[in-house]
Protein backbone atom coordinates (compact mmCIF):
# COMPACT_ATOMS: atom_id res chain seq x y z
CA MET A 1 -32.12 48.32 -33.00
CA ASN A 2 -32.25 47.58 -36.75
CA ASP A 3 -29.47 48.38 -39.20
CA LEU A 4 -31.38 51.11 -41.01
CA TYR A 5 -32.16 53.02 -37.82
CA ALA A 6 -28.60 52.59 -36.52
CA THR A 7 -27.14 53.93 -39.80
CA LEU A 8 -29.44 56.97 -39.86
CA LYS A 9 -28.88 57.71 -36.17
CA GLY A 10 -25.09 57.52 -36.11
CA ASN A 11 -23.85 59.98 -33.47
CA LYS A 12 -26.89 62.27 -33.68
CA ARG A 13 -28.52 63.50 -30.52
CA THR A 14 -31.60 61.64 -29.20
CA ASN A 15 -33.99 63.05 -26.60
CA GLN A 16 -35.63 61.20 -23.71
CA ARG A 17 -38.62 60.20 -25.84
CA GLY A 18 -36.45 58.46 -28.42
CA TRP A 19 -36.63 61.15 -31.15
CA THR A 20 -33.44 61.79 -33.12
CA ALA A 21 -33.13 65.26 -34.68
CA ILE A 22 -32.44 65.43 -38.42
CA LYS A 23 -32.87 67.98 -41.21
CA CYS A 24 -36.18 67.62 -43.06
CA PRO A 25 -35.61 66.61 -46.72
CA ASP A 26 -38.84 68.42 -47.73
CA CYS A 27 -38.77 71.85 -46.08
CA GLY A 28 -35.20 72.01 -44.79
CA GLU A 29 -36.30 72.48 -41.18
CA HIS A 30 -33.34 71.86 -38.87
CA ARG A 31 -34.30 73.39 -35.54
CA GLN A 32 -33.88 71.11 -32.57
CA PHE A 33 -36.36 68.19 -32.74
CA LYS A 34 -38.78 70.07 -35.05
CA SER A 35 -37.78 67.45 -37.59
CA ALA A 36 -36.94 64.04 -36.12
CA PHE A 37 -37.30 60.27 -36.41
CA THR A 38 -37.63 57.17 -34.26
CA GLU A 39 -37.47 53.47 -35.11
CA SER A 40 -41.12 53.79 -36.21
CA GLY A 41 -40.51 56.47 -38.84
CA PHE A 42 -39.80 60.12 -39.65
CA HIS A 43 -41.99 63.16 -38.88
CA CYS A 44 -41.45 66.86 -39.54
CA PHE A 45 -43.54 68.90 -37.10
CA HIS A 46 -42.99 72.02 -39.22
CA CYS A 47 -44.28 70.95 -42.67
CA GLY A 48 -46.09 67.75 -41.65
CA ALA A 49 -44.00 65.38 -43.79
CA LYS A 50 -44.22 61.82 -42.53
CA TYR A 51 -42.79 58.59 -43.98
CA PRO A 52 -41.01 55.36 -42.96
CA LEU A 53 -37.25 55.08 -42.44
CA ASN A 54 -36.51 53.42 -45.80
CA VAL A 55 -38.04 56.42 -47.60
CA LEU A 56 -36.08 58.80 -45.35
CA ALA A 57 -32.87 56.97 -46.26
CA GLN A 58 -33.67 57.32 -49.98
CA ARG A 59 -34.45 61.02 -49.66
CA LEU A 60 -31.18 61.63 -47.79
CA GLU A 61 -29.29 59.30 -50.16
CA VAL A 62 -27.99 57.29 -47.23
CA HIS A 63 -26.45 53.92 -48.14
CA VAL A 64 -27.42 51.11 -45.77
CA PRO A 65 -24.86 48.25 -45.84
CA GLN A 66 -26.17 44.70 -46.28
CA HIS A 67 -25.90 42.64 -43.13
CA ASN A 68 -23.94 39.45 -43.81
CA GLY A 69 -23.76 38.18 -40.26
CA TYR A 70 -26.40 37.22 -37.71
CA GLN A 71 -29.92 38.46 -38.33
CA ARG A 72 -32.59 38.53 -35.70
CA GLN A 73 -35.13 35.77 -36.26
CA THR A 74 -38.74 36.81 -36.04
CA LYS A 75 -41.06 34.47 -34.19
CA PRO A 76 -43.77 32.74 -36.22
CA PRO A 77 -47.34 33.73 -35.29
CA ALA A 78 -48.69 31.82 -32.33
CA PRO A 79 -51.22 29.12 -33.22
CA PRO A 80 -54.80 29.78 -32.13
CA LYS A 81 -55.54 28.93 -28.55
CA PRO A 82 -56.98 25.39 -28.34
CA ARG A 83 -60.50 25.19 -26.92
CA TYR A 84 -61.91 22.36 -24.87
CA TRP A 85 -64.36 21.31 -27.59
CA HIS A 86 -61.57 20.92 -30.18
CA ARG A 87 -60.68 17.52 -28.71
CA GLU A 88 -64.01 15.98 -29.76
CA PRO A 89 -65.84 18.33 -32.17
CA GLY A 90 -67.86 15.41 -33.54
CA GLU A 91 -69.38 14.77 -30.11
CA TRP A 92 -70.72 18.32 -29.97
CA VAL A 93 -72.32 17.85 -33.38
CA LYS A 94 -73.92 14.57 -32.29
CA ARG A 95 -75.20 16.23 -29.12
CA SER A 96 -76.87 19.01 -31.11
CA LEU A 97 -78.53 16.53 -33.49
CA ALA A 98 -79.74 14.34 -30.61
CA HIS A 99 -81.87 17.09 -29.03
CA LEU A 100 -85.45 15.79 -28.84
CA GLY A 101 -87.05 19.14 -29.61
CA ARG A 102 -84.86 20.24 -32.51
CA VAL A 103 -87.51 19.67 -35.23
CA GLU A 104 -90.21 21.54 -33.33
CA MET A 105 -87.92 24.44 -32.39
CA TRP A 106 -86.54 24.89 -35.91
CA GLN A 107 -89.98 24.70 -37.51
CA LYS A 108 -91.20 27.34 -35.09
CA TYR A 109 -88.43 29.62 -36.39
CA ARG A 110 -88.64 28.76 -40.13
CA PRO A 111 -90.94 26.45 -42.15
CA PHE A 112 -88.30 23.77 -42.69
CA THR A 113 -89.27 20.26 -43.66
CA LEU A 114 -87.92 17.26 -41.79
CA GLU A 115 -85.77 16.44 -44.83
CA THR A 116 -84.17 19.91 -44.78
CA ILE A 117 -83.49 19.69 -41.04
CA GLN A 118 -81.73 16.36 -41.50
CA ARG A 119 -79.88 17.30 -44.71
CA TYR A 120 -78.34 20.47 -43.31
CA ARG A 121 -77.73 19.08 -39.81
CA LEU A 122 -79.93 21.55 -37.97
CA GLY A 123 -79.89 20.95 -34.23
CA VAL A 124 -80.23 22.49 -30.78
CA SER A 125 -77.42 22.73 -28.23
CA ILE A 126 -75.12 25.01 -26.29
CA VAL A 127 -72.50 26.56 -28.61
CA PRO A 128 -69.17 25.86 -26.86
CA ALA A 129 -66.61 28.50 -25.89
CA THR A 130 -69.00 31.47 -26.30
CA PRO A 131 -70.42 33.99 -23.78
CA CYS A 132 -73.89 32.39 -24.03
CA ARG A 133 -74.45 29.19 -22.05
CA HIS A 134 -78.01 28.51 -23.21
CA GLN A 135 -79.55 26.17 -25.78
CA ARG A 136 -79.49 27.64 -29.30
CA LEU A 137 -80.70 26.75 -32.78
CA THR A 138 -77.55 25.42 -34.43
CA TYR A 139 -76.30 24.37 -37.84
CA VAL A 140 -73.06 22.59 -38.67
CA TYR A 141 -70.50 23.72 -41.23
CA ASP A 142 -67.02 22.50 -42.08
CA ASP A 143 -64.34 24.92 -40.92
CA PRO A 144 -61.92 25.13 -43.90
CA LEU A 145 -59.06 26.56 -41.83
CA ASN A 146 -59.06 24.12 -38.92
CA LYS A 147 -60.50 21.14 -40.86
CA ARG A 148 -63.22 20.26 -38.37
CA PRO A 149 -67.01 20.52 -38.07
CA THR A 150 -68.07 23.70 -36.29
CA LEU A 151 -71.32 24.84 -34.69
CA ARG A 152 -72.97 28.22 -35.23
CA GLY A 153 -76.06 29.05 -33.21
CA ARG A 154 -78.89 31.56 -33.03
CA LEU A 155 -80.85 32.85 -30.05
CA ALA A 156 -83.74 30.54 -29.24
CA THR A 157 -85.18 30.89 -25.74
CA CYS A 158 -82.54 32.83 -23.79
CA ARG A 159 -82.44 36.58 -23.21
CA CYS A 160 -78.78 37.17 -23.99
CA ASN A 161 -77.84 40.41 -25.76
CA PRO A 162 -79.87 40.13 -29.01
CA LYS A 163 -77.54 42.49 -30.90
CA ALA A 164 -74.12 41.23 -29.86
CA LEU A 165 -75.07 37.58 -29.37
CA LYS A 166 -77.85 36.98 -31.90
CA TRP A 167 -75.57 34.56 -33.78
CA VAL A 168 -72.42 33.05 -32.27
CA THR A 169 -69.81 30.63 -33.60
CA ALA A 170 -68.07 28.03 -31.45
CA GLY A 171 -64.88 29.53 -30.03
CA GLY A 172 -61.89 29.18 -32.34
CA GLY A 173 -64.03 28.48 -35.41
CA ALA A 174 -63.16 30.29 -38.66
CA ALA A 175 -65.72 31.75 -41.06
CA ALA A 176 -66.58 29.77 -44.19
CA LEU A 177 -68.58 30.09 -47.40
CA TRP A 178 -71.54 27.81 -46.70
CA GLY A 179 -72.71 25.84 -49.74
CA ALA A 180 -69.52 26.36 -51.78
CA GLU A 181 -69.44 22.65 -52.64
CA LEU A 182 -72.82 23.05 -54.40
CA LEU A 183 -71.56 25.55 -56.98
CA ARG A 184 -71.84 24.36 -60.60
CA PRO A 185 -70.63 26.00 -63.84
CA GLY A 186 -73.33 27.73 -65.88
CA PHE A 187 -75.99 27.80 -63.14
CA PRO A 188 -77.42 30.87 -61.37
CA VAL A 189 -76.37 31.39 -57.76
CA LEU A 190 -78.31 33.10 -54.96
CA LEU A 191 -75.92 34.74 -52.49
CA CYS A 192 -77.74 35.18 -49.17
CA GLU A 193 -76.79 36.96 -45.97
CA SER A 194 -77.35 33.87 -43.82
CA PRO A 195 -77.09 30.11 -44.49
CA VAL A 196 -80.61 29.77 -43.06
CA ASP A 197 -81.93 31.93 -45.94
CA ALA A 198 -79.98 29.75 -48.39
CA MET A 199 -81.40 26.53 -46.91
CA LEU A 200 -84.96 27.79 -47.20
CA ALA A 201 -84.43 28.95 -50.81
CA MET A 202 -83.10 25.53 -51.85
CA GLN A 203 -85.90 23.76 -49.99
CA ILE A 204 -88.46 25.68 -52.06
CA ASP A 205 -86.66 25.36 -55.40
CA GLN A 206 -84.09 22.61 -55.81
CA ASN A 207 -82.89 24.15 -59.10
CA ILE A 208 -81.42 27.10 -57.21
CA THR A 209 -77.91 26.98 -55.78
CA ALA A 210 -77.84 29.20 -52.69
CA ILE A 211 -74.73 30.08 -50.68
CA ALA A 212 -73.89 32.39 -47.76
CA GLY A 213 -71.05 33.41 -45.47
CA THR A 214 -71.20 32.03 -41.94
CA ALA A 215 -70.13 35.22 -40.15
CA GLY A 216 -72.86 37.72 -41.07
CA ALA A 217 -73.17 40.53 -43.59
CA GLY A 218 -70.06 42.39 -42.44
CA THR A 219 -67.61 39.57 -43.22
CA TRP A 220 -66.38 38.69 -46.69
CA ARG A 221 -63.14 36.91 -47.60
CA GLU A 222 -61.17 37.35 -50.82
CA GLU A 223 -60.84 33.59 -51.13
CA TRP A 224 -64.65 33.35 -51.29
CA THR A 225 -64.63 35.65 -54.29
CA GLN A 226 -62.11 33.36 -55.97
CA ILE A 227 -64.12 30.23 -55.13
CA ILE A 228 -67.20 31.71 -56.82
CA ALA A 229 -65.21 32.98 -59.82
CA ASP A 230 -63.55 29.56 -60.30
CA ALA A 231 -66.99 27.89 -60.33
CA ARG A 232 -68.00 30.07 -63.36
CA PRO A 233 -71.70 30.52 -62.43
CA ALA A 234 -74.10 31.94 -65.02
CA ILE A 235 -74.96 34.80 -62.68
CA VAL A 236 -74.86 35.65 -58.98
CA LEU A 237 -77.89 37.34 -57.44
CA VAL A 238 -76.88 39.07 -54.19
CA ALA A 239 -79.86 39.05 -51.79
CA TYR A 240 -78.66 40.52 -48.50
CA ASP A 241 -81.26 41.86 -46.06
CA ASN A 242 -83.16 45.06 -46.80
CA ASP A 243 -81.44 47.02 -44.02
CA LEU A 244 -78.48 49.36 -43.56
CA GLN A 245 -75.95 46.56 -43.06
CA GLY A 246 -77.37 44.60 -46.02
CA GLN A 247 -78.34 46.35 -49.22
CA ALA A 248 -81.20 48.76 -48.53
CA ALA A 249 -81.26 51.50 -51.18
CA GLY A 250 -83.19 54.57 -52.26
CA ASP A 251 -85.96 55.89 -50.00
CA VAL A 252 -85.80 52.83 -47.76
CA ARG A 253 -82.13 53.41 -46.94
CA GLY A 254 -82.82 57.11 -46.44
CA GLY A 255 -85.59 56.36 -43.94
CA LEU A 256 -83.49 53.79 -42.09
CA ALA A 257 -80.55 56.22 -42.00
CA ARG A 258 -82.72 58.98 -40.46
CA GLU A 259 -83.99 56.53 -37.85
CA TRP A 260 -80.41 55.44 -37.10
CA MET A 261 -79.20 59.02 -36.67
CA ALA A 262 -82.15 59.82 -34.38
CA ASN A 263 -81.41 56.91 -32.05
CA LEU A 264 -77.72 56.10 -32.55
CA ALA A 265 -76.15 59.37 -33.70
CA HIS A 266 -73.00 58.55 -31.69
CA LYS A 267 -72.33 55.52 -33.94
CA ARG A 268 -71.14 55.61 -37.53
CA LEU A 269 -73.73 54.74 -40.17
CA PRO A 270 -73.21 51.10 -41.30
CA VAL A 271 -71.84 50.34 -44.75
CA ALA A 272 -74.15 48.57 -47.21
CA ASN A 273 -72.37 45.21 -47.51
CA GLY A 274 -74.48 43.81 -50.38
CA PRO A 275 -73.17 46.27 -53.02
CA LYS A 276 -69.69 45.91 -51.55
CA VAL A 277 -69.71 42.13 -52.08
CA ALA A 278 -71.22 42.57 -55.54
CA ASN A 279 -68.34 44.86 -56.51
CA HIS A 280 -65.83 42.21 -55.36
CA LEU A 281 -67.49 39.63 -57.60
CA ILE A 282 -67.76 42.00 -60.57
CA GLY A 283 -64.07 42.79 -60.18
CA ALA A 284 -63.35 39.05 -60.45
CA GLY A 285 -65.29 38.86 -63.74
CA VAL A 286 -68.50 37.33 -62.32
CA LEU A 287 -71.82 38.58 -63.73
CA THR A 288 -73.56 39.92 -60.61
CA ARG A 289 -76.86 41.63 -59.82
CA LEU A 290 -78.47 42.95 -56.63
CA PHE A 291 -81.90 41.67 -55.67
CA ASP A 292 -84.51 44.44 -55.95
CA TRP A 293 -86.11 45.16 -52.56
CA ARG A 294 -88.03 48.25 -53.68
CA ASN A 295 -91.52 46.83 -53.00
CA ASN A 296 -90.64 45.26 -49.66
CA PRO A 297 -90.73 46.74 -46.15
CA PRO A 298 -87.54 48.09 -44.49
CA GLY A 299 -85.60 45.47 -42.56
CA ASP A 300 -87.03 42.63 -44.68
CA ASP A 301 -84.90 39.53 -45.26
CA LEU A 302 -84.95 36.75 -47.82
CA SER A 303 -86.47 34.16 -45.50
CA ALA A 304 -89.40 36.44 -44.64
CA LEU A 305 -89.91 37.17 -48.36
CA LEU A 306 -89.87 33.47 -49.28
CA MET A 307 -92.32 32.67 -46.51
CA ARG A 308 -94.71 35.32 -47.85
CA LEU A 309 -94.31 34.22 -51.47
CA THR A 310 -94.87 30.56 -50.67
CA LYS A 311 -97.85 31.01 -48.37
CA VAL A 312 -100.73 29.04 -49.86
CA SER A 313 -103.87 31.19 -50.09
CA GLY A 314 -106.55 32.17 -52.60
CA GLY A 315 -106.23 28.94 -54.55
CA LYS A 316 -102.68 29.69 -55.69
CA SER A 317 -100.23 26.83 -55.59
CA PHE A 318 -97.00 26.71 -53.64
CA VAL A 319 -94.91 27.24 -56.79
CA GLU A 320 -97.12 30.02 -58.18
CA LYS A 321 -96.62 32.04 -55.01
CA TYR A 322 -92.89 31.51 -55.37
CA GLY A 323 -92.98 32.51 -59.04
CA LEU A 324 -91.86 36.09 -58.37
CA LEU A 325 -88.37 35.07 -57.37
CA ILE A 326 -88.16 32.35 -60.02
CA ASP A 327 -89.14 34.85 -62.74
CA TYR A 328 -86.54 37.25 -61.43
CA LEU A 329 -83.82 34.60 -61.64
CA THR A 330 -84.99 33.46 -65.08
CA ASP A 331 -84.92 37.03 -66.39
CA LEU A 332 -81.39 37.53 -65.07
CA ARG A 333 -80.32 34.20 -66.56
CA GLY A 334 -81.55 35.43 -69.97
CA GLN A 335 -79.64 38.69 -69.51
CA CYS A 336 -76.55 36.64 -68.70
CA PHE A 337 -76.75 34.56 -71.89
CA ALA A 338 -77.42 37.68 -73.98
CA ALA A 339 -74.39 39.38 -72.48
CA GLN A 340 -72.23 36.31 -73.17
CA GLN A 341 -73.34 36.16 -76.82
CA LYS A 342 -72.66 39.88 -77.30
CA ARG A 343 -69.23 39.46 -75.77
CA SER A 344 -68.37 36.53 -78.06
CA GLU A 345 -69.39 38.52 -81.15
């Protein structure tokens, strides 16, 4: 029993459920247990007033004496449960990179070069301490919280739940901002939904800095916003997928929403996370724009777009096909410099 509750309770009557009757400071209700409080807070069942005990004490002008003696010590939060792979995380990384079919399997999924596969440590292995016990396409990232390399893997050949287990992270691994070490002041940044999209973008154009969260579109950390703001990029182009969870807008979002309600009316419509992240960055003073998906099919993602733009056909070169996205970034870079000059004036 804490001091505040004990002072308010005094010799007042308490029922079997732990409610102590008291006159409501708002409406004056004083009938038995129509206005009452517990250690969790105060509630008047007549007028609906509800607030914590410290507010109740202020409203009743009750003085709570300072406790100069022993105070109950609260226990520190328990450390995360250690997993078996935490003893030798480097061995799991080596095992994933030693898979003989990793190049073939990754290139079947995305048109990565051998250099990209080696640079970003793309492998194939079981992702430890997860519900799936099958071989997955994996990449390695450095867990900033636990200071160790961590595996994240995508469905490859197994038939595990494609919605719940499409991507899994090794048990006990914390989310990170992939590519944060590549940020440079004054350069444009492409913020992708997945690190795989970011890898493909930087493979095609080495002048682009691409980053992504490692936990999917629905996860964003405040410290990531600060990391990007501290890097002072020229502009951030948010390019989440063209779906409900990403940043679908206009008629595309309307069509996807109608389809969702027809099939999954019992579930709440997902929030568009792309605009949400963009607002976080704008609030931190970062010049931010959303990638325009208006001419692309619903459900499209950045990797699929890049693969279409870079497909060599009709005599057009690799770079010419990719020019659409480059022009978009260049145009935004010009807008950024114009905005900076106007601000300085």
